[in-house]
Amino acid sequence: MSITGLEALNDGVTPKTVRVTAEPSEFSPEGKQTVEFDAVVRIDTPGEADYYRNGGILQYVLRSLV
């Protein structure tokens, strides 16, 4: 799966939507097609953007402890 459009977070801008592309994996049923859709972004505060950039709240807290 890939998500495009979140790069704007690095510039301090929260995008309203992103594009998601989900490709079949080796475990997908035979003949499964690639699925693409737009998703609404729910990153409402600068703190939430920091959590996302660090891979989640746990990683954010652990990095701040080190």
PDB file of N, CA and C in Angstrom:
ATOM      1  N   MET A   1       0.845  -1.155   0.000  1.00  0.00           N
ATOM      2  CA  MET A   1       0.000   0.000   0.000  1.00  0.00           C
ATOM      3  C   MET A   1       0.899   1.228   0.000  1.00  0.00           C
ATOM      4  N   SER A   2       0.486   2.227  -0.735  1.00  0.00           N
ATOM      5  CA  SER A   2       1.219   3.483  -0.735  1.00  0.00           C
ATOM      6  C   SER A   2       0.233   4.633  -0.566  1.00  0.00           C
ATOM      7  N   ILE A   3       0.710   5.677   0.097  1.00  0.00           N
ATOM      8  CA  ILE A   3      -0.100   6.865   0.337  1.00  0.00           C
ATOM      9  C   ILE A   3       0.684   8.049  -0.204  1.00  0.00           C
ATOM     10  N   THR A   4       0.082   8.803  -1.117  1.00  0.00           N
ATOM     11  CA  THR A   4       0.736   9.974  -1.664  1.00  0.00           C
ATOM     12  C   THR A   4      -0.019  11.222  -1.242  1.00  0.00           C
ATOM     13  N   GLY A   5       0.728  12.275  -1.031  1.00  0.00           N
ATOM     14  CA  GLY A   5       0.126  13.533  -0.641  1.00  0.00           C
ATOM     15  C   GLY A   5       0.458  13.945   0.780  1.00  0.00           C
ATOM     16  N   LEU A   6       1.032  13.035   1.567  1.00  0.00           N
ATOM     17  CA  LEU A   6       1.383  13.364   2.946  1.00  0.00           C
ATOM     18  C   LEU A   6       2.707  14.108   3.052  1.00  0.00           C
ATOM     19  N   GLU A   7       3.426  14.209   1.944  1.00  0.00           N
ATOM     20  CA  GLU A   7       4.710  14.910   1.969  1.00  0.00           C
ATOM     21  C   GLU A   7       4.547  16.362   2.395  1.00  0.00           C
ATOM     22  N   ALA A   8       3.360  16.913   2.204  1.00  0.00           N
ATOM     23  CA  ALA A   8       3.098  18.305   2.577  1.00  0.00           C
ATOM     24  C   ALA A   8       3.261  18.527   4.080  1.00  0.00           C
ATOM     25  N   LEU A   9       3.115  17.468   4.880  1.00  0.00           N
ATOM     26  CA  LEU A   9       3.312  17.595   6.331  1.00  0.00           C
ATOM     27  C   LEU A   9       4.717  18.066   6.662  1.00  0.00           C
ATOM     28  N   ASN A  10       5.682  17.694   5.848  1.00  0.00           N
ATOM     29  CA  ASN A  10       7.065  18.113   6.082  1.00  0.00           C
ATOM     30  C   ASN A  10       7.247  19.613   5.880  1.00  0.00           C
ATOM     31  N   ASP A  11       6.316  20.229   5.151  1.00  0.00           N
ATOM     32  CA  ASP A  11       6.355  21.669   4.931  1.00  0.00           C
ATOM     33  C   ASP A  11       5.448  22.418   5.901  1.00  0.00           C
ATOM     34  N   GLY A  12       4.861  21.700   6.859  1.00  0.00           N
ATOM     35  CA  GLY A  12       3.990  22.329   7.838  1.00  0.00           C
ATOM     36  C   GLY A  12       2.562  22.522   7.375  1.00  0.00           C
ATOM     37  N   VAL A  13       2.198  21.879   6.267  1.00  0.00           N
ATOM     38  CA  VAL A  13       0.840  21.991   5.728  1.00  0.00           C
ATOM     39  C   VAL A  13       0.152  20.633   5.846  1.00  0.00           C
ATOM     40  N   THR A  14      -1.076  20.615   6.351  1.00  0.00           N
ATOM     41  CA  THR A  14      -1.831  19.367   6.430  1.00  0.00           C
ATOM     42  C   THR A  14      -2.756  19.287   5.222  1.00  0.00           C
ATOM     43  N   PRO A  15      -2.560  18.276   4.368  1.00  0.00           N
ATOM     44  CA  PRO A  15      -3.433  18.137   3.202  1.00  0.00           C
ATOM     45  C   PRO A  15      -4.838  17.722   3.629  1.00  0.00           C
ATOM     46  N   LYS A  16      -5.840  18.079   2.835  1.00  0.00           N
ATOM     47  CA  LYS A  16      -7.224  17.694   3.137  1.00  0.00           C
ATOM     48  C   LYS A  16      -7.489  16.244   2.755  1.00  0.00           C
ATOM     49  N   THR A  17      -6.878  15.786   1.651  1.00  0.00           N
ATOM     50  CA  THR A  17      -7.030  14.402   1.211  1.00  0.00           C
ATOM     51  C   THR A  17      -5.683  13.857   0.750  1.00  0.00           C
ATOM     52  N   VAL A  18      -5.593  12.547   0.703  1.00  0.00           N
ATOM     53  CA  VAL A  18      -4.422  11.848   0.175  1.00  0.00           C
ATOM     54  C   VAL A  18      -4.914  10.778  -0.784  1.00  0.00           C
ATOM     55  N   ARG A  19      -4.024  10.280  -1.610  1.00  0.00           N
ATOM     56  CA  ARG A  19      -4.350   9.210  -2.550  1.00  0.00           C
ATOM     57  C   ARG A  19      -3.750   7.911  -2.037  1.00  0.00           C
ATOM     58  N   VAL A  20      -4.588   6.882  -1.900  1.00  0.00           N
ATOM     59  CA  VAL A  20      -4.152   5.578  -1.402  1.00  0.00           C
ATOM     60  C   VAL A  20      -4.196   4.587  -2.557  1.00  0.00           C
ATOM     61  N   THR A  21      -3.111   3.825  -2.708  1.00  0.00           N
ATOM     62  CA  THR A  21      -3.053   2.765  -3.710  1.00  0.00           C
ATOM     63  C   THR A  21      -2.727   1.461  -2.996  1.00  0.00           C
ATOM     64  N   ALA A  22      -3.644   0.512  -3.096  1.00  0.00           N
ATOM     65  CA  ALA A  22      -3.453  -0.802  -2.469  1.00  0.00           C
ATOM     66  C   ALA A  22      -3.283  -1.839  -3.570  1.00  0.00           C
ATOM     67  N   GLU A  23      -2.088  -2.407  -3.639  1.00  0.00           N
ATOM     68  CA  GLU A  23      -1.800  -3.410  -4.655  1.00  0.00           C
ATOM     69  C   GLU A  23      -1.902  -4.799  -4.043  1.00  0.00           C
ATOM     70  N   PRO A  24      -2.294  -5.779  -4.840  1.00  0.00           N
ATOM     71  CA  PRO A  24      -2.387  -7.146  -4.320  1.00  0.00           C
ATOM     72  C   PRO A  24      -1.016  -7.639  -3.854  1.00  0.00           C
ATOM     73  N   SER A  25      -1.035  -8.453  -2.826  1.00  0.00           N
ATOM     74  CA  SER A  25       0.204  -9.056  -2.330  1.00  0.00           C
ATOM     75  C   SER A  25       0.237 -10.528  -2.722  1.00  0.00           C
ATOM     76  N   GLU A  26       1.278 -11.190  -2.317  1.00  0.00           N
ATOM     77  CA  GLU A  26       1.390 -12.621  -2.616  1.00  0.00           C
ATOM     78  C   GLU A  26       0.309 -13.427  -1.887  1.00  0.00           C
ATOM     79  N   PHE A  27      -0.319 -12.846  -0.862  1.00  0.00           N
ATOM     80  CA  PHE A  27      -1.346 -13.536  -0.095  1.00  0.00           C
ATOM     81  C   PHE A  27      -2.762 -13.208  -0.569  1.00  0.00           C
ATOM     82  N   SER A  28      -2.883 -12.302  -1.545  1.00  0.00           N
ATOM     83  CA  SER A  28      -4.186 -11.906  -2.074  1.00  0.00           C
ATOM     84  C   SER A  28      -4.770 -13.023  -2.931  1.00  0.00           C
ATOM     85  N   PRO A  29      -6.102 -13.080  -3.002  1.00  0.00           N
ATOM     86  CA  PRO A  29      -6.723 -14.073  -3.882  1.00  0.00           C
ATOM     87  C   PRO A  29      -6.309 -13.865  -5.341  1.00  0.00           C
ATOM     88  N   GLU A  30      -6.333 -14.923  -6.109  1.00  0.00           N
ATOM     89  CA  GLU A  30      -5.984 -14.874  -7.530  1.00  0.00           C
ATOM     90  C   GLU A  30      -6.869 -13.866  -8.252  1.00  0.00           C
ATOM     91  N   GLY A  31      -6.268 -13.025  -9.076  1.00  0.00           N
ATOM     92  CA  GLY A  31      -7.019 -12.064  -9.874  1.00  0.00           C
ATOM     93  C   GLY A  31      -7.386 -10.784  -9.155  1.00  0.00           C
ATOM     94  N   LYS A  32      -6.893 -10.610  -7.934  1.00  0.00           N
ATOM     95  CA  LYS A  32      -7.198  -9.386  -7.174  1.00  0.00           C
ATOM     96  C   LYS A  32      -6.607  -8.186  -7.897  1.00  0.00           C
ATOM     97  N   GLN A  33      -7.389  -7.112  -8.003  1.00  0.00           N
ATOM     98  CA  GLN A  33      -6.989  -5.920  -8.733  1.00  0.00           C
ATOM     99  C   GLN A  33      -6.415  -4.860  -7.776  1.00  0.00           C
ATOM    100  N   THR A  34      -5.635  -3.937  -8.323  1.00  0.00           N
ATOM    101  CA  THR A  34      -5.167  -2.784  -7.564  1.00  0.00           C
ATOM    102  C   THR A  34      -6.353  -1.872  -7.283  1.00  0.00           C
ATOM    103  N   VAL A  35      -6.421  -1.356  -6.054  1.00  0.00           N
ATOM    104  CA  VAL A  35      -7.509  -0.464  -5.652  1.00  0.00           C
ATOM    105  C   VAL A  35      -6.903   0.901  -5.346  1.00  0.00           C
ATOM    106  N   GLU A  36      -7.507   1.959  -5.888  1.00  0.00           N
ATOM    107  CA  GLU A  36      -7.071   3.327  -5.611  1.00  0.00           C
ATOM    108  C   GLU A  36      -8.266   4.132  -5.131  1.00  0.00           C
ATOM    109  N   PHE A  37      -8.017   4.985  -4.117  1.00  0.00           N
ATOM    110  CA  PHE A  37      -9.088   5.841  -3.611  1.00  0.00           C
ATOM    111  C   PHE A  37      -8.488   7.033  -2.889  1.00  0.00           C
ATOM    112  N   ASP A  38      -9.288   8.081  -2.734  1.00  0.00           N
ATOM    113  CA  ASP A  38      -8.901   9.257  -1.959  1.00  0.00           C
ATOM    114  C   ASP A  38      -9.411   9.083  -0.541  1.00  0.00           C
ATOM    115  N   ALA A  39      -8.607   9.509   0.425  1.00  0.00           N
ATOM    116  CA  ALA A  39      -8.984   9.415   1.837  1.00  0.00           C
ATOM    117  C   ALA A  39      -8.835  10.790   2.488  1.00  0.00           C
ATOM    118  N   VAL A  40      -9.726  11.084   3.408  1.00  0.00           N
ATOM    119  CA  VAL A  40      -9.681  12.338   4.149  1.00  0.00           C
ATOM    120  C   VAL A  40      -8.605  12.229   5.227  1.00  0.00           C
ATOM    121  N   VAL A  41      -7.786  13.254   5.361  1.00  0.00           N
ATOM    122  CA  VAL A  41      -6.720  13.276   6.363  1.00  0.00           C
ATOM    123  C   VAL A  41      -7.289  13.827   7.665  1.00  0.00           C
ATOM    124  N   ARG A  42      -7.055  13.135   8.786  1.00  0.00           N
ATOM    125  CA  ARG A  42      -7.498  13.611  10.086  1.00  0.00           C
ATOM    126  C   ARG A  42      -6.293  13.821  10.993  1.00  0.00           C
ATOM    127  N   ILE A  43      -5.433  14.721  10.590  1.00  0.00           N
ATOM    128  CA  ILE A  43      -4.337  15.188  11.426  1.00  0.00           C
ATOM    129  C   ILE A  43      -4.698  16.624  11.756  1.00  0.00           C
ATOM    130  N   ASP A  44      -5.213  16.835  12.967  1.00  0.00           N
ATOM    131  CA  ASP A  44      -5.827  18.107  13.312  1.00  0.00           C
ATOM    132  C   ASP A  44      -4.915  19.087  14.039  1.00  0.00           C
ATOM    133  N   THR A  45      -3.814  18.603  14.607  1.00  0.00           N
ATOM    134  CA  THR A  45      -2.945  19.490  15.378  1.00  0.00           C
ATOM    135  C   THR A  45      -1.485  19.265  14.967  1.00  0.00           C
ATOM    136  N   PRO A  46      -0.618  20.243  15.245  1.00  0.00           N
ATOM    137  CA  PRO A  46       0.808  20.038  14.958  1.00  0.00           C
ATOM    138  C   PRO A  46       1.375  18.840  15.731  1.00  0.00           C
ATOM    139  N   GLY A  47       0.869  18.588  16.927  1.00  0.00           N
ATOM    140  CA  GLY A  47       1.334  17.436  17.705  1.00  0.00           C
ATOM    141  C   GLY A  47       1.019  16.123  17.014  1.00  0.00           C
ATOM    142  N   GLU A  48      -0.170  16.017  16.446  1.00  0.00           N
ATOM    143  CA  GLU A  48      -0.531  14.810  15.719  1.00  0.00           C
ATOM    144  C   GLU A  48       0.363  14.624  14.498  1.00  0.00           C
ATOM    145  N   ALA A  49       0.738  15.712  13.842  1.00  0.00           N
ATOM    146  CA  ALA A  49       1.652  15.627  12.702  1.00  0.00           C
ATOM    147  C   ALA A  49       3.010  15.091  13.159  1.00  0.00           C
ATOM    148  N   ASP A  50       3.473  15.524  14.332  1.00  0.00           N
ATOM    149  CA  ASP A  50       4.734  15.000  14.877  1.00  0.00           C
ATOM    150  C   ASP A  50       4.632  13.506  15.144  1.00  0.00           C
ATOM    151  N   TYR A  51       3.513  13.076  15.716  1.00  0.00           N
ATOM    152  CA  TYR A  51       3.321  11.640  15.973  1.00  0.00           C
ATOM    153  C   TYR A  51       3.390  10.856  14.663  1.00  0.00           C
ATOM    154  N   TYR A  52       2.724  11.356  13.630  1.00  0.00           N
ATOM    155  CA  TYR A  52       2.713  10.663  12.344  1.00  0.00           C
ATOM    156  C   TYR A  52       4.123  10.587  11.762  1.00  0.00           C
ATOM    157  N   ARG A  53       4.840  11.711  11.776  1.00  0.00           N
ATOM    158  CA  ARG A  53       6.195  11.729  11.211  1.00  0.00           C
ATOM    159  C   ARG A  53       7.124  10.753  11.936  1.00  0.00           C
ATOM    160  N   ASN A  54       6.866  10.485  13.207  1.00  0.00           N
ATOM    161  CA  ASN A  54       7.715   9.583  13.981  1.00  0.00           C
ATOM    162  C   ASN A  54       7.223   8.141  13.962  1.00  0.00           C
ATOM    163  N   GLY A  55       6.168   7.869  13.224  1.00  0.00           N
ATOM    164  CA  GLY A  55       5.681   6.493  13.112  1.00  0.00           C
ATOM    165  C   GLY A  55       4.673   6.113  14.170  1.00  0.00           C
ATOM    166  N   GLY A  56       4.148   7.065  14.911  1.00  0.00           N
ATOM    167  CA  GLY A  56       3.139   6.793  15.934  1.00  0.00           C
ATOM    168  C   GLY A  56       3.513   7.418  17.261  1.00  0.00           C
ATOM    169  N   ILE A  57       2.558   7.418  18.177  1.00  0.00           N
ATOM    170  CA  ILE A  57       2.782   8.090  19.462  1.00  0.00           C
ATOM    171  C   ILE A  57       3.846   7.373  20.295  1.00  0.00           C
ATOM    172  N   LEU A  58       3.874   6.046  20.256  1.00  0.00           N
ATOM    173  CA  LEU A  58       4.870   5.305  21.046  1.00  0.00           C
ATOM    174  C   LEU A  58       6.284   5.642  20.580  1.00  0.00           C
ATOM    175  N   GLN A  59       6.520   5.622  19.268  1.00  0.00           N
ATOM    176  CA  GLN A  59       7.848   5.942  18.756  1.00  0.00           C
ATOM    177  C   GLN A  59       8.217   7.385  19.076  1.00  0.00           C
ATOM    178  N   TYR A  60       7.243   8.287  19.029  1.00  0.00           N
ATOM    179  CA  TYR A  60       7.487   9.690  19.362  1.00  0.00           C
ATOM    180  C   TYR A  60       7.955   9.818  20.811  1.00  0.00           C
ATOM    181  N   VAL A  61       7.260   9.154  21.712  1.00  0.00           N
ATOM    182  CA  VAL A  61       7.622   9.225  23.134  1.00  0.00           C
ATOM    183  C   VAL A  61       8.991   8.599  23.371  1.00  0.00           C
ATOM    184  N   LEU A  62       9.252   7.447  22.766  1.00  0.00           N
ATOM    185  CA  LEU A  62      10.543   6.778  22.950  1.00  0.00           C
ATOM    186  C   LEU A  62      11.694   7.630  22.413  1.00  0.00           C
ATOM    187  N   ARG A  63      11.491   8.273  21.272  1.00  0.00           N
ATOM    188  CA  ARG A  63      12.548   9.141  20.716  1.00  0.00           C
ATOM    189  C   ARG A  63      12.789  10.361  21.617  1.00  0.00           C
ATOM    190  N   SER A  64      11.740  10.859  22.239  1.00  0.00           N
ATOM    191  CA  SER A  64      11.922  12.033  23.093  1.00  0.00           C
ATOM    192  C   SER A  64      12.633  11.665  24.409  1.00  0.00           C
ATOM    193  N   LEU A  65      12.590  10.386  24.791  1.00  0.00           N
ATOM    194  CA  LEU A  65      13.270   9.930  25.998  1.00  0.00           C
ATOM    195  C   LEU A  65      14.751   9.724  25.777  1.00  0.00           C
ATOM    196  N   VAL A  66      15.135   9.451  24.542  1.00  0.00           N
ATOM    197  CA  VAL A  66      16.538   9.131  24.228  1.00  0.00           C
ATOM    198  C   VAL A  66      17.364  10.362  24.106  1.00  0.00           C
TER     199      VAL A  66
END
